[in-house]
Amino acid sequence: MIAAIRVHKVGGPEVLTCEDIEVGAPGPGQIRVKQDACGVNFIDTYFRTGLYPAELPLIPGNEAAGDVVAVGEGVTDFKAGDRITYNVTLGGYAAERLLPAERAIKLSDGISYEQAAGMMLKGMTARYLLREVYKVEKGTTLLMHAAAGGVGLIICQWANSIGATVIGTAGSKEKAELAKANGCQHVILYRDEDFVARVKEITGGKLCDVVYDGVGKDTFPGSLDCLRPRGMFASFGNASGPVPPFSPLLLLQKGSLFMTRPTLVHYTATRADLLASANDLFAAVQSGAVKIPVNQKYPLQDAARAHRDLESRKTTGSSVLIP
């Protein structure tokens, strides 16, 4: 029997219960992993609350890192003792688990289990936002909401290393300083300042090429007002609730804007895409262009506290659970 966090009914953090479960031998195409660290992300709260429906009971968690302890029939790319990491929907909050071998990624030397657990979802999300949703280049001007958050800190560093102008929003002076220390050249305290007016001021009225928004309801439609004509609005999360329904005519009225609501699943659907994304992320981290700050660590059984801290905006960077 091994420890895992399960959800039997949707609700607040209190529905996260620590239980002993049985993990069997890996079947064909599977590996069994002993996990050293498990990542905590906002998407985990969406499954917990039922915003993203899933069959109950469920084990939350999308990313973790650890060691292969057994492989199933037909698995040739992995063996017992291999260090691996992954990003897979659900099942992450556990001391051990079974995993489809095709979704596992060998962990590069020099990257710790805690770093990997804190970066796969957020780092590969940053990668597709910067490389594929809108190709950020030297001279690009972007707005990153929640710049001191997990995805935010990675995007600020990565975009800064490319030569982009990075504008961010943050909820406190402490978070603003953290964002600045991680490549965000201009930080707007959204509780004290009108972020739309500040973006216009910072850019001299030229506005942004792209807005990366994982906040949702609270920053819409202001995010659209920060974009130049034909700019890109990338809404990739719902930390404050989903963006409300709106007419596509609004995009025309705001300047023939583009909008996408992407998810990592679709950008890493094939193994080739998964490995390309992970390898780009590993290279950025190993080069020093991107550092992964794991600022909160909790015992696995304290998953409810981790969710409370995350939802109350008490966290910065990455959070992990330690089985």
Foldseek 3Di string as FASTA:
>chain_A
DWWAWKAADADALVSTFIDDDDADAAEPQKFKFQFFWFFDDPVQNCPRNCVPDDDPTFGAGFKFKGFTCHDYPPDDPDHGGFTWMFGHGTDRLIRMHMDRNLGIDGDDPPADRHLRNFALQLVLVLVCVCPPLDPQAAAFEEEEEQLQAANNLQNQLQSQVRHYQYEYEHQDPVSVVNSVVRRHVHYHNVVVDPVLVVLCVVVVNQAGQEYEAACACVCPPVVLSRHHAQHEYEHAHHLPHHHDDDDPVVCVVSHVYHYDHDHVCVQCVGSVSSVVSVVVSVVCCVVVSGPQDAPEEEASRCVSVVSVCVSVVVDGGIYIHGD
